[in-house]
Amino acid sequence: MSDTDQTLIAAARGGDRRALEKLLERHQSAVYRFGMKMCGETEDAKDVLQETLIAAVRTLPEFRGASSVSTWLYTIARSFCLKKRRTSKFAPERIESLEAQSEASGQVADSRRSPEEDAAARQLKGLLDAAIAELDPMYREVLLLRDVEGLAAAEVAEILGLTVEAVKSRLHRARVAVRERVAPALAPAAMPQPGPGCQDVVTMFSRRLEGEIDGNACADLEKHLESCAACRGRCDSLRSTLTLCRNAGSAQVPPEIARSVREALRQFVSAPA
């Protein structure tokens, strides 16, 4: 059985450097993905990852386990992302080329797909990356933590210092915005347009996914979707968009960045107090 985070933390506090490395390696990809999507630059994401892990080593003696390790690390990473956004010469929305992003995420072609399917998958990933990058940071961080990294709404609220209700409100707005950007590549061009009573159906469907509507409202929504192809297509595209978000949560740290950060950590740990 693999070591739990708690086991590794206990060993690391006792001076076990391998346990410390294993703990940080376990979470480094999530921190890097968050830094990449929030800062938009590979070098900034590398800095956020390195600074976050060093800060975690420095503050490990004070970590009491009231929160999960991932929540603790995301909270640290977010503080460094905020500093990067304040000091960067680039606009917060600036993102690298789609080719650079694919390389940074370690994405490779799937041998089970045809070249055309791979091209379509890259296009969808590019649209998703652009849609997330265009979000205001206050919405972007909620979407990343909830839909890309899969944290519970309560964990996201703890990281951001918000109420769960505020997290969900931002989440729905972010989902709707990203869906609108990605939907043209997911649905046929001839999809019928929604009618006058359909304006809030995507937000309602998002709220349903979060368990925020009661049984009667859920039944009403289902009844409407059965009779309205336009809204059914919009909700299907939201579901597909969220699947794309979950898939984006599997990207790993590029090997050269992982090596550089690992070396920096070892130097920090080995430095005299």
Protein backbone atom coordinates (compact mmCIF):
# COMPACT_ATOMS: atom_id res chain seq x y z
CA MET A 1 0.00 0.00 0.00
CA SER A 2 1.33 3.46 -0.90
CA ASP A 3 2.23 5.90 1.85
CA THR A 4 -0.44 8.41 2.79
CA ASP A 5 0.30 12.13 2.91
CA GLN A 6 0.08 11.97 6.70
CA THR A 7 2.65 9.17 6.85
CA LEU A 8 5.02 11.06 4.58
CA ILE A 9 4.61 14.28 6.58
CA ALA A 10 5.42 12.48 9.82
CA ALA A 11 8.52 10.92 8.25
CA ALA A 12 9.60 14.23 6.71
CA ARG A 13 9.33 15.98 10.06
CA GLY A 14 11.60 13.29 11.44
CA GLY A 15 14.26 14.17 8.89
CA ASP A 16 13.44 11.66 6.16
CA ARG A 17 14.35 13.59 3.00
CA ARG A 18 13.10 10.86 0.68
CA ALA A 19 9.67 11.07 2.31
CA LEU A 20 9.72 14.83 1.85
CA GLU A 21 10.64 14.48 -1.83
CA LYS A 22 7.95 11.86 -2.37
CA LEU A 23 5.30 14.07 -0.75
CA LEU A 24 6.16 17.08 -2.89
CA GLU A 25 6.52 15.05 -6.08
CA ARG A 26 3.04 13.65 -5.48
CA HIS A 27 1.52 17.15 -5.60
CA GLN A 28 3.87 19.06 -7.90
CA SER A 29 1.90 18.52 -11.12
CA ALA A 30 -1.26 20.00 -9.62
CA VAL A 31 0.67 23.06 -8.39
CA TYR A 32 2.36 23.48 -11.78
CA ARG A 33 -0.95 23.22 -13.68
CA PHE A 34 -2.49 25.84 -11.41
CA GLY A 35 0.48 28.18 -11.87
CA MET A 36 0.46 27.65 -15.63
CA LYS A 37 -3.22 28.43 -16.04
CA MET A 38 -3.20 31.37 -13.61
CA CYS A 39 0.02 33.01 -14.84
CA GLY A 40 0.02 31.93 -18.49
CA GLU A 41 3.80 31.64 -18.80
CA THR A 42 5.95 28.53 -18.45
CA GLU A 43 8.69 30.41 -16.62
CA ASP A 44 6.20 31.95 -14.20
CA ALA A 45 4.59 28.55 -13.59
CA LYS A 46 8.04 27.09 -12.89
CA ASP A 47 8.75 29.89 -10.40
CA VAL A 48 5.38 29.37 -8.70
CA LEU A 49 6.04 25.65 -8.40
CA GLN A 50 9.55 26.11 -7.03
CA GLU A 51 8.59 28.86 -4.60
CA THR A 52 5.54 26.92 -3.41
CA LEU A 53 7.50 23.75 -2.69
CA ILE A 54 10.30 25.63 -0.93
CA ALA A 55 7.72 27.50 1.17
CA ALA A 56 6.09 24.16 2.00
CA VAL A 57 9.43 22.78 3.20
CA ARG A 58 10.02 25.90 5.27
CA THR A 59 6.58 25.83 6.92
CA LEU A 60 6.18 22.05 7.24
CA PRO A 61 6.81 22.13 11.02
CA GLU A 62 3.80 24.46 11.42
CA PHE A 63 1.46 22.38 9.24
CA ARG A 64 -0.96 20.62 11.61
CA GLY A 65 -3.09 18.79 9.09
CA ALA A 66 -6.30 20.74 9.71
CA SER A 67 -6.54 20.97 5.92
CA SER A 68 -5.47 18.49 3.27
CA VAL A 69 -1.98 18.76 1.83
CA SER A 70 -3.41 19.79 -1.54
CA THR A 71 -5.44 22.60 0.06
CA TRP A 72 -2.34 23.80 1.92
CA LEU A 73 -0.21 23.79 -1.23
CA TYR A 74 -2.83 25.48 -3.40
CA THR A 75 -3.17 28.23 -0.81
CA ILE A 76 0.59 28.83 -0.95
CA ALA A 77 0.65 28.63 -4.75
CA ARG A 78 -2.18 31.12 -5.05
CA SER A 79 -0.27 33.69 -3.01
CA PHE A 80 2.69 33.39 -5.37
CA CYS A 81 0.40 33.60 -8.41
CA LEU A 82 -1.04 36.84 -7.05
CA LYS A 83 2.47 38.26 -6.63
CA LYS A 84 3.36 37.20 -10.18
CA ARG A 85 0.30 38.92 -11.60
CA ARG A 86 1.13 42.14 -9.74
CA THR A 87 4.75 42.22 -10.88
CA SER A 88 4.65 40.63 -14.35
CA LYS A 89 5.26 42.90 -17.33
CA PHE A 90 2.75 40.80 -19.24
CA ALA A 91 -1.01 41.24 -19.13
CA PRO A 92 -2.69 38.62 -16.93
CA GLU A 93 -4.61 37.24 -19.91
CA ARG A 94 -1.50 36.70 -22.06
CA ILE A 95 -1.03 33.04 -22.98
CA GLU A 96 1.62 31.25 -24.92
CA SER A 97 1.09 29.68 -28.32
CA LEU A 98 -0.96 26.50 -28.41
CA GLU A 99 2.11 24.60 -29.56
CA ALA A 100 4.10 25.77 -26.54
CA GLN A 101 1.26 24.85 -24.20
CA SER A 102 1.05 21.36 -25.64
CA GLU A 103 4.78 20.86 -25.14
CA ALA A 104 4.65 22.27 -21.63
CA SER A 105 1.91 19.89 -20.61
CA GLY A 106 3.81 16.89 -21.92
CA GLN A 107 0.97 16.05 -24.26
CA VAL A 108 1.69 13.36 -26.83
CA ALA A 109 -0.34 11.93 -29.67
CA ASP A 110 -2.63 9.02 -28.79
CA SER A 111 -1.77 6.05 -30.98
CA ARG A 112 -5.38 4.86 -30.75
CA ARG A 113 -6.63 7.98 -32.55
CA SER A 114 -6.35 8.93 -36.19
CA PRO A 115 -4.36 12.06 -37.18
CA GLU A 116 -7.67 13.82 -37.73
CA GLU A 117 -8.88 12.90 -34.25
CA ASP A 118 -5.59 14.08 -32.74
CA ALA A 119 -5.90 17.39 -34.59
CA ALA A 120 -9.47 17.81 -33.33
CA ALA A 121 -8.36 17.02 -29.76
CA ARG A 122 -5.58 19.61 -29.99
CA GLN A 123 -8.05 22.16 -31.30
CA LEU A 124 -10.41 21.52 -28.41
CA LYS A 125 -7.57 21.76 -25.90
CA GLY A 126 -6.49 25.03 -27.47
CA LEU A 127 -10.01 26.43 -27.27
CA LEU A 128 -10.31 25.35 -23.65
CA ASP A 129 -6.93 26.88 -22.74
CA ALA A 130 -7.91 30.15 -24.43
CA ALA A 131 -11.34 30.19 -22.79
CA ILE A 132 -9.86 29.65 -19.32
CA ALA A 133 -7.15 32.26 -19.92
CA GLU A 134 -9.79 34.82 -20.91
CA LEU A 135 -11.61 34.48 -17.59
CA ASP A 136 -11.09 37.13 -14.97
CA PRO A 137 -8.66 35.64 -12.40
CA MET A 138 -11.36 35.53 -9.70
CA TYR A 139 -13.41 33.18 -11.89
CA ARG A 140 -10.44 31.37 -13.41
CA GLU A 141 -9.07 30.16 -10.08
CA VAL A 142 -12.46 28.78 -9.03
CA LEU A 143 -12.90 26.86 -12.29
CA LEU A 144 -9.34 25.48 -12.12
CA LEU A 145 -9.64 24.27 -8.55
CA ARG A 146 -13.16 22.85 -8.85
CA ASP A 147 -13.42 21.53 -12.42
CA VAL A 148 -9.81 20.92 -13.49
CA GLU A 149 -8.29 19.77 -10.20
CA GLY A 150 -11.49 18.27 -8.82
CA LEU A 151 -11.48 19.82 -5.35
CA ALA A 152 -14.72 20.00 -3.39
CA ALA A 153 -16.42 23.38 -3.23
CA ALA A 154 -15.66 23.58 0.49
CA GLU A 155 -11.93 23.06 -0.19
CA VAL A 156 -11.97 25.75 -2.87
CA ALA A 157 -13.69 28.10 -0.43
CA GLU A 158 -10.99 27.46 2.18
CA ILE A 159 -8.19 28.15 -0.30
CA LEU A 160 -9.73 31.36 -1.60
CA GLY A 161 -11.10 32.64 1.71
CA LEU A 162 -14.67 32.66 0.41
CA THR A 163 -17.99 31.15 1.39
CA VAL A 164 -19.10 28.01 -0.42
CA GLU A 165 -22.00 30.02 -1.85
CA ALA A 166 -19.61 32.60 -3.32
CA VAL A 167 -17.47 29.84 -4.81
CA LYS A 168 -20.46 28.27 -6.51
CA SER A 169 -21.72 31.60 -7.81
CA ARG A 170 -18.36 32.29 -9.45
CA LEU A 171 -18.14 28.71 -10.67
CA HIS A 172 -21.42 28.90 -12.56
CA ARG A 173 -20.41 32.14 -14.27
CA ALA A 174 -17.06 30.68 -15.22
CA ARG A 175 -18.61 27.50 -16.59
CA VAL A 176 -21.10 29.42 -18.72
CA ALA A 177 -18.35 31.64 -20.16
CA VAL A 178 -16.04 28.73 -20.97
CA ARG A 179 -18.87 26.69 -22.49
CA GLU A 180 -19.83 29.55 -24.79
CA ARG A 181 -16.23 29.75 -26.05
CA VAL A 182 -15.82 26.00 -26.59
CA ALA A 183 -19.35 25.10 -27.73
CA PRO A 184 -18.92 25.92 -31.46
CA ALA A 185 -16.37 23.10 -31.72
CA LEU A 186 -18.62 20.68 -29.84
CA ALA A 187 -22.03 21.17 -31.46
CA PRO A 188 -23.25 21.18 -35.06
CA ALA A 189 -23.44 24.61 -36.68
CA ALA A 190 -27.13 24.03 -37.39
CA MET A 191 -28.07 23.62 -33.71
CA PRO A 192 -31.39 25.46 -33.11
CA GLN A 193 -31.36 28.64 -31.08
CA PRO A 194 -32.97 28.70 -27.61
CA GLY A 195 -36.34 30.33 -27.13
CA PRO A 196 -37.36 33.25 -24.87
CA GLY A 197 -37.74 31.07 -21.77
CA CYS A 198 -34.38 29.37 -22.06
CA GLN A 199 -31.94 32.07 -20.98
CA ASP A 200 -30.83 30.53 -17.67
CA VAL A 201 -30.90 26.85 -18.55
CA VAL A 202 -27.09 26.40 -18.66
CA THR A 203 -26.67 28.06 -15.27
CA MET A 204 -29.53 25.96 -13.92
CA PHE A 205 -27.91 22.81 -15.27
CA SER A 206 -24.60 23.81 -13.65
CA ARG A 207 -26.42 24.37 -10.36
CA ARG A 208 -28.01 20.95 -10.72
CA LEU A 209 -24.56 19.37 -11.11
CA GLU A 210 -23.57 21.05 -7.83
CA GLY A 211 -26.69 19.76 -6.05
CA GLU A 212 -28.11 23.25 -5.59
CA ILE A 213 -31.64 22.77 -6.92
CA ASP A 214 -34.43 20.80 -5.29
CA GLY A 215 -36.34 17.87 -6.71
CA ASN A 216 -39.16 19.96 -8.18
CA ALA A 217 -36.78 22.32 -9.96
CA CYS A 218 -34.77 19.34 -11.20
CA ALA A 219 -37.92 17.71 -12.59
CA ASP A 220 -38.90 20.96 -14.32
CA LEU A 221 -35.46 21.20 -15.88
CA GLU A 222 -35.62 17.62 -17.13
CA LYS A 223 -39.06 18.23 -18.62
CA HIS A 224 -37.82 21.32 -20.42
CA LEU A 225 -34.75 19.54 -21.80
CA GLU A 226 -36.92 16.72 -23.15
CA SER A 227 -38.92 19.19 -25.23
CA CYS A 228 -36.19 21.68 -26.20
CA ALA A 229 -33.42 20.46 -28.48
CA ALA A 230 -31.59 23.79 -28.25
CA CYS A 231 -31.31 23.69 -24.46
CA ARG A 232 -30.52 20.00 -24.49
CA GLY A 233 -27.63 20.70 -26.84
CA ARG A 234 -26.40 23.57 -24.66
CA CYS A 235 -26.41 21.38 -21.55
CA ASP A 236 -24.69 18.56 -23.43
CA SER A 237 -21.97 20.99 -24.48
CA LEU A 238 -21.53 22.09 -20.87
CA ARG A 239 -21.15 18.47 -19.84
CA SER A 240 -18.55 17.96 -22.59
CA THR A 241 -16.73 21.13 -21.55
CA LEU A 242 -16.48 19.86 -17.98
CA THR A 243 -15.09 16.56 -19.28
CA LEU A 244 -12.41 18.55 -21.13
CA CYS A 245 -11.65 20.38 -17.88
CA ARG A 246 -11.24 17.10 -15.98
CA ASN A 247 -8.95 15.75 -18.69
CA ALA A 248 -6.82 18.90 -18.40
CA GLY A 249 -6.13 17.89 -14.81
CA SER A 250 -3.88 15.03 -15.92
CA ALA A 251 -1.04 17.11 -17.40
CA GLN A 252 2.34 16.51 -15.73
CA VAL A 253 5.29 18.79 -15.03
CA PRO A 254 7.64 18.87 -18.05
CA PRO A 255 10.71 16.72 -17.20
CA GLU A 256 13.25 19.54 -17.53
CA ILE A 257 11.25 21.74 -15.16
CA ALA A 258 10.79 18.87 -12.69
CA ARG A 259 14.58 18.30 -12.68
CA SER A 260 15.34 21.98 -12.17
CA VAL A 261 12.85 22.35 -9.31
CA ARG A 262 14.04 19.12 -7.67
CA GLU A 263 17.63 20.39 -7.72
CA ALA A 264 16.60 23.75 -6.26
CA LEU A 265 14.73 21.95 -3.47
CA ARG A 266 17.72 19.77 -2.66
CA GLN A 267 19.97 22.78 -2.48
CA PHE A 268 17.51 24.52 -0.17
CA VAL A 269 17.17 21.50 2.11
CA SER A 270 20.96 20.98 2.21
CA ALA A 271 21.80 24.61 2.90
CA PRO A 272 23.04 25.35 6.42
CA ALA A 273 20.42 26.87 8.70
